[in-house]
Structures are given as structure tokens and as C-alpha cells.
Amino acid sequence: MRAASKKMCAEGKTIALVPTLGALHAGHVALMRRAAQEADVVVVSVFVNPLQFGTNEDLGKYPRSLAADVGLAGKEGAAAVFTPSVKEMYPKGYSTFVTEDRVSKPLCGMSRPALFRGVLTGWLKLINIVQPDVLAMGEKDPQQIAVLRKALADLSLDVRIVSGPFVRDPDGLALNARNDFITPKQRAEALSVHRALVLAEGMVASGVKNADRIVAEATHVLGEKRRLRVIYIALVNRETMEPMREVVPGKSLLAIAYWVEDVRLTDSCLF
């Protein structure tokens, strides 16, 4: 990968990196197409990063479909698919990790304390190997975008982040590799999260700005489903992840994480 990147740079080409855990879907396709608009070549990484999975999380059963992923990336015109092994990324004796101590602390940082240390360590290694000019990330994971943006700025890394569109299935469920783990009945209950977000968007559009009121109404919708357990629902600043008392257009994020029985999913909307 280093040799390929050096060759592309020597040819005067700019590189966009699309970092993924694999199990590529339509959301990743949209992200690859967004990346192609921002650089001469697109590199897709496929790496199920064990550092970002906590104890008793679903690392072992996380979906893996490497052959299909390589085929899809090739179909979309990717210049390379980088598929390092765990031993290559974290060889025996590995002991260096990257943390961010502000933006990563709320929301998923509280419920999944291993997540962002793992994400930052893995992604900064990928950046050092691929040497991209642009990093393309999906709006499906707004806290990851905010955490990485902060880390890149703090560490003076000259990599520009662009975000790709938030892609949903026709019924409104946010695309996620873990969606394959849920049954039709579980899916029907998970769709209440999208309905809660649509309700919140309607409230904001009608002029409601009070965060407590918006969160309360959205929580009421979610409370009607017995298979669904809310981990958090919060209206926060999209850059700092700090709670907001009122919606500020262009700066506010309503973020939800939840269990639908034994599957953990997230969803969100920007105001």
C-alpha cells in the first residue's frame, strides 16, 4: 500500500481514503462516489478493527464479505483496496494508542469506552500508511467525524475530511452492516427511531427550539416499543458533542443510540 501510494503521489495524483469495516453497502457506494469528486484516485480500506470493539461486543460475528467488498470497490473505480491483517496493524508487542479527551467523551464514549481510542489508533495508522489528501466519512457516524476532525487539527495533520450522504433503506432505517442481524419484527420496532427523528425535524421546522421538549417528544415515540431500549438520546453541538439547551441551525445534532433486543444501532439527524 505504501508503494502504491508513493507511485500515485509521484504521478501527481491526489488520494481520497474511504476507511471501512467492510460489509460494504449502498452507503459506502455513496461515500466512494463522494470521495471520487474530491480527489484523483480513491483508496478503500477494509479492516475490522478489534481495538474499537469492547468486551462482549460483536467482533466475532461482525459481518465479513471481503471478496464482495473488493468487487464492489472495483466496480466503483477504486484504485486500490487495502485489507491489512490484524497482525500487520497490531504486531506482537504493540503498545501505542491515540486518545482524544473531549469530543469523544459524551454519547458513544460513555456507553462504549473502547470505541474512540480504537477508532483513532486504527484510522491514524491507515492515514500514515495511505497518505491521503482527503478522508471521506459517512454522516451516519457524526461523532466519529467530530472526534477525528478534532484529532487531525490537534495533531496538525494535513488531511481534509469530507462527509458523504446519510443513506437509508426505503423504509427509513439507516443503513448499517448490523441490520442483517435483526428480524423483521425487530426491524419494525427499530423504525420507530426514524419516526422519532422525523417528528423532531417537524418540530424544529415549525419553530420549536427547546431541546428538552424535542427530546421528550422523541423519547415518547421510542418508549412505545418493548423490544427497543434507548442507550442515549441527546441534542448536542455537532462539533463538540456538548449538550445544547436550544437548537441552533447548522450546529445541532439529535443523536440516538439504542438496542433492539441484542443488536446495538445508532441514528441521528442534523438541524
Protein backbone atom coordinates (compact mmCIF):
# COMPACT_ATOMS: atom_id res chain seq x y z
CA MET A 1 0.00 0.00 0.00
CA ARG A 2 2.83 2.40 0.81
CA ALA A 3 4.45 1.69 -2.55
CA ALA A 4 1.16 2.17 -4.40
CA SER A 5 0.51 5.46 -2.61
CA LYS A 6 4.02 6.76 -3.35
CA LYS A 7 3.55 5.88 -7.00
CA MET A 8 0.23 7.72 -7.20
CA CYS A 9 1.71 10.76 -5.46
CA ALA A 10 4.72 10.72 -7.80
CA GLU A 11 2.30 10.82 -10.71
CA GLY A 12 0.81 13.98 -9.24
CA LYS A 13 -2.45 12.36 -8.18
CA THR A 14 -4.40 13.26 -5.07
CA ILE A 15 -5.76 10.43 -2.92
CA ALA A 16 -9.05 10.07 -1.09
CA LEU A 17 -9.25 7.35 1.55
CA VAL A 18 -12.57 5.71 2.45
CA PRO A 19 -11.96 3.80 5.71
CA THR A 20 -14.45 0.98 6.34
CA LEU A 21 -15.03 -2.10 8.46
CA GLY A 22 -16.12 -3.93 5.31
CA ALA A 23 -19.54 -5.47 4.59
CA LEU A 24 -19.93 -2.66 2.05
CA HIS A 25 -23.42 -1.44 1.18
CA ALA A 26 -25.13 1.41 -0.65
CA GLY A 27 -23.97 3.90 1.97
CA HIS A 28 -20.36 3.03 1.22
CA VAL A 29 -21.03 3.32 -2.51
CA ALA A 30 -22.35 6.85 -2.00
CA LEU A 31 -19.25 7.62 0.06
CA MET A 32 -16.90 6.29 -2.63
CA ARG A 33 -18.64 8.45 -5.21
CA ARG A 34 -18.33 11.48 -2.94
CA ALA A 35 -14.63 10.71 -2.47
CA ALA A 36 -14.15 10.48 -6.24
CA GLN A 37 -15.40 14.06 -6.54
CA GLU A 38 -12.69 15.27 -4.16
CA ALA A 39 -9.53 13.51 -5.39
CA ASP A 40 -7.97 11.90 -8.44
CA VAL A 41 -8.00 8.37 -7.01
CA VAL A 42 -9.95 6.57 -4.31
CA VAL A 43 -8.48 4.01 -1.90
CA VAL A 44 -10.88 1.91 0.18
CA SER A 45 -9.63 0.25 3.35
CA VAL A 46 -11.38 -2.84 4.70
CA PHE A 47 -10.32 -3.63 8.24
CA VAL A 48 -12.43 -4.94 11.11
CA ASN A 49 -10.51 -3.13 13.82
CA PRO A 50 -10.50 -5.16 17.05
CA LEU A 51 -9.45 -2.15 19.12
CA GLN A 52 -12.80 -0.44 18.67
CA PHE A 53 -14.80 -3.39 19.97
CA GLY A 54 -15.21 -3.66 23.71
CA THR A 55 -15.51 -6.77 25.85
CA ASN A 56 -18.61 -8.81 24.95
CA GLU A 57 -19.25 -6.75 21.81
CA ASP A 58 -19.85 -8.37 18.42
CA LEU A 59 -16.30 -8.53 16.99
CA GLY A 60 -16.53 -12.26 16.33
CA LYS A 61 -19.81 -12.12 14.44
CA TYR A 62 -19.31 -8.78 12.70
CA PRO A 63 -20.14 -9.43 9.01
CA ARG A 64 -17.17 -10.05 6.72
CA SER A 65 -17.52 -10.23 2.93
CA LEU A 66 -14.08 -9.37 1.56
CA ALA A 67 -14.49 -10.81 -1.95
CA ALA A 68 -17.76 -8.95 -2.44
CA ASP A 69 -16.26 -5.78 -0.97
CA VAL A 70 -13.30 -5.86 -3.35
CA GLY A 71 -15.64 -6.44 -6.28
CA LEU A 72 -17.91 -3.56 -5.32
CA ALA A 73 -15.00 -1.15 -4.78
CA GLY A 74 -13.55 -2.17 -8.14
CA LYS A 75 -16.89 -1.62 -9.82
CA GLU A 76 -16.96 1.88 -8.35
CA GLY A 77 -13.49 2.60 -9.76
CA ALA A 78 -11.37 2.43 -6.62
CA ALA A 79 -7.65 2.49 -7.39
CA ALA A 80 -6.87 0.12 -4.52
CA VAL A 81 -8.49 -1.82 -1.71
CA PHE A 82 -6.26 -2.02 1.35
CA THR A 83 -7.01 -5.08 3.50
CA PRO A 84 -4.39 -5.35 6.25
CA SER A 85 -4.49 -8.18 8.77
CA VAL A 86 -4.73 -7.62 12.50
CA LYS A 87 -1.14 -8.90 12.87
CA GLU A 88 0.08 -6.32 10.35
CA MET A 89 -1.72 -3.46 12.04
CA TYR A 90 -1.02 -4.52 15.62
CA PRO A 91 2.00 -6.86 15.69
CA LYS A 92 3.12 -8.65 18.84
CA GLY A 93 4.25 -6.14 21.42
CA TYR A 94 2.15 -3.29 20.01
CA SER A 95 1.61 -0.72 22.78
CA THR A 96 0.91 2.71 21.25
CA PHE A 97 -2.59 4.18 21.26
CA VAL A 98 -4.23 7.51 20.39
CA THR A 99 -6.90 9.16 22.51
CA GLU A 100 -8.93 12.35 22.32
CA ASP A 101 -10.24 13.54 25.67
CA ARG A 102 -13.05 15.95 24.93
CA VAL A 103 -15.25 15.29 21.89
CA SER A 104 -15.00 11.52 22.41
CA LYS A 105 -16.29 11.53 26.00
CA PRO A 106 -20.09 12.01 25.66
CA LEU A 107 -22.62 9.78 23.90
CA CYS A 108 -20.92 6.66 22.47
CA GLY A 109 -17.82 7.48 24.50
CA MET A 110 -19.79 6.79 27.68
CA SER A 111 -21.53 3.63 26.54
CA ARG A 112 -18.59 2.21 24.54
CA PRO A 113 -15.41 3.40 26.30
CA ALA A 114 -13.07 1.42 24.00
CA LEU A 115 -14.56 2.79 20.79
CA PHE A 116 -12.78 6.04 20.06
CA ARG A 117 -9.33 5.01 21.26
CA GLY A 118 -9.62 2.12 18.83
CA VAL A 119 -11.03 4.24 16.02
CA LEU A 120 -8.34 6.91 16.31
CA THR A 121 -5.46 4.47 16.65
CA GLY A 122 -6.61 2.44 13.65
CA TRP A 123 -7.53 5.34 11.41
CA LEU A 124 -4.38 7.33 12.11
CA LYS A 125 -2.36 4.24 11.21
CA LEU A 126 -4.33 4.00 7.96
CA ILE A 127 -3.67 7.67 7.26
CA ASN A 128 0.07 7.21 7.84
CA ILE A 129 0.16 4.22 5.51
CA VAL A 130 -2.05 5.50 2.68
CA GLN A 131 -1.02 9.19 2.95
CA PRO A 132 -4.35 10.55 1.67
CA ASP A 133 -5.14 14.17 0.92
CA VAL A 134 -8.81 13.59 1.73
CA LEU A 135 -10.60 11.34 4.19
CA ALA A 136 -14.19 10.51 3.25
CA MET A 137 -16.52 9.66 6.14
CA GLY A 138 -20.23 8.97 6.28
CA GLU A 139 -22.68 11.28 8.04
CA LYS A 140 -24.14 8.14 9.61
CA ASP A 141 -21.42 8.44 12.30
CA PRO A 142 -21.33 12.15 13.23
CA GLN A 143 -19.42 11.69 16.50
CA GLN A 144 -16.66 9.77 14.71
CA ILE A 145 -16.37 12.64 12.23
CA ALA A 146 -16.19 15.19 15.05
CA VAL A 147 -13.62 13.18 17.04
CA LEU A 148 -11.36 12.59 14.05
CA ARG A 149 -11.65 16.20 12.91
CA LYS A 150 -10.52 17.32 16.37
CA ALA A 151 -7.63 14.84 16.44
CA LEU A 152 -6.40 15.86 12.97
CA ALA A 153 -6.45 19.51 14.00
CA ASP A 154 -4.77 18.89 17.34
CA LEU A 155 -2.01 16.77 15.76
CA SER A 156 -1.51 19.20 12.82
CA LEU A 157 -2.19 16.52 10.20
CA ASP A 158 -2.82 17.95 6.75
CA VAL A 159 -5.78 15.76 5.81
CA ARG A 160 -9.13 17.22 4.78
CA ILE A 161 -12.33 15.47 5.89
CA VAL A 162 -15.33 15.36 3.59
CA SER A 163 -18.62 13.79 4.62
CA GLY A 164 -20.80 11.62 2.46
CA PRO A 165 -24.59 11.44 2.46
CA PHE A 166 -26.65 9.69 5.13
CA VAL A 167 -28.19 6.76 3.26
CA ARG A 168 -31.33 4.95 4.41
CA ASP A 169 -33.33 1.99 3.20
CA PRO A 170 -36.67 2.90 1.57
CA ASP A 171 -38.47 2.28 4.87
CA GLY A 172 -36.23 4.81 6.64
CA LEU A 173 -33.87 2.53 8.57
CA ALA A 174 -30.31 3.85 8.48
CA LEU A 175 -28.02 1.53 6.52
CA ASN A 176 -25.73 -0.45 8.80
CA ALA A 177 -23.91 -3.76 8.45
CA ARG A 178 -25.61 -4.88 11.67
CA ASN A 179 -29.07 -4.53 10.10
CA ASP A 180 -28.64 -8.10 8.82
CA PHE A 181 -28.71 -9.27 12.44
CA ILE A 182 -32.28 -8.10 13.13
CA THR A 183 -35.51 -9.93 12.39
CA PRO A 184 -38.49 -8.36 10.56
CA LYS A 185 -40.26 -7.82 13.92
CA GLN A 186 -37.17 -6.17 15.38
CA ARG A 187 -36.83 -4.03 12.28
CA ALA A 188 -40.42 -2.82 12.65
CA GLU A 189 -39.60 -1.63 16.16
CA ALA A 190 -36.28 -0.08 15.10
CA LEU A 191 -38.17 2.02 12.56
CA SER A 192 -39.69 3.95 15.47
CA VAL A 193 -36.28 5.65 15.79
CA HIS A 194 -36.62 7.11 12.31
CA ARG A 195 -40.17 8.20 13.14
CA ALA A 196 -38.89 9.94 16.26
CA LEU A 197 -36.27 11.79 14.21
CA VAL A 198 -38.86 12.81 11.61
CA LEU A 199 -41.08 14.10 14.42
CA ALA A 200 -38.15 16.11 15.82
CA GLU A 201 -37.38 17.55 12.39
CA GLY A 202 -41.01 18.59 12.03
CA MET A 203 -40.97 20.28 15.42
CA VAL A 204 -37.84 22.24 14.55
CA ALA A 205 -39.29 23.19 11.16
CA SER A 206 -42.40 24.54 12.94
CA GLY A 207 -40.27 26.76 15.15
CA VAL A 208 -39.66 24.66 18.27
CA LYS A 209 -36.13 25.21 19.59
CA ASN A 210 -36.23 23.92 23.17
CA ALA A 211 -34.00 20.85 23.45
CA ASP A 212 -35.84 19.30 26.41
CA ARG A 213 -39.16 19.44 24.60
CA ILE A 214 -37.76 17.91 21.42
CA VAL A 215 -36.00 15.12 23.32
CA ALA A 216 -39.12 14.42 25.40
CA GLU A 217 -41.37 14.05 22.35
CA ALA A 218 -38.86 11.82 20.56
CA THR A 219 -38.41 9.71 23.70
CA HIS A 220 -42.18 9.24 23.94
CA VAL A 221 -42.23 7.69 20.45
CA LEU A 222 -39.40 5.32 21.35
CA GLY A 223 -41.00 4.32 24.65
CA GLU A 224 -43.91 2.67 22.86
CA LYS A 225 -41.73 -0.24 21.63
CA ARG A 226 -40.98 -3.04 24.08
CA ARG A 227 -38.09 -4.59 22.09
CA LEU A 228 -36.27 -1.26 21.91
CA ARG A 229 -34.07 0.06 24.73
CA VAL A 230 -32.64 3.56 24.42
CA ILE A 231 -28.95 3.92 25.38
CA TYR A 232 -29.00 7.68 24.90
CA ILE A 233 -30.96 10.38 23.15
CA ALA A 234 -29.46 13.86 23.22
CA LEU A 235 -29.46 17.15 21.39
CA VAL A 236 -25.83 18.24 21.14
CA ASN A 237 -23.45 20.54 19.32
CA ARG A 238 -22.40 18.67 16.18
CA GLU A 239 -18.74 19.72 16.57
CA THR A 240 -18.14 19.34 20.30
CA MET A 241 -20.87 16.82 21.24
CA GLU A 242 -21.73 19.03 24.22
CA PRO A 243 -25.42 19.29 25.23
CA MET A 244 -27.42 22.23 23.83
CA ARG A 245 -30.38 23.90 25.51
CA GLU A 246 -31.79 25.15 22.21
CA VAL A 247 -31.49 24.24 18.55
CA VAL A 248 -29.02 26.40 16.66
CA PRO A 249 -29.48 25.93 12.90
CA GLY A 250 -26.45 24.32 11.30
CA LYS A 251 -24.88 23.40 14.63
CA SER A 252 -27.31 21.00 16.30
CA LEU A 253 -27.44 17.20 16.21
CA LEU A 254 -30.10 14.90 17.65
CA ALA A 255 -28.27 11.63 18.33
CA ILE A 256 -29.82 8.32 19.35
CA ALA A 257 -28.22 5.00 20.27
CA TYR A 258 -30.38 2.02 21.11
CA TRP A 259 -30.61 -1.73 21.49
CA VAL A 260 -33.21 -3.60 19.51
CA GLU A 261 -33.07 -6.69 21.68
CA ASP A 262 -29.38 -7.74 21.40
CA VAL A 263 -28.33 -5.56 18.43
CA ARG A 264 -26.90 -2.09 19.03
CA LEU A 265 -27.69 0.59 16.43
CA THR A 266 -27.42 4.37 16.11
CA ASP A 267 -29.24 7.08 14.21
CA SER A 268 -29.25 10.86 14.11
CA CYS A 269 -30.36 13.98 12.29
CA LEU A 270 -28.81 17.41 11.84
CA PHE A 271 -30.73 20.66 12.29
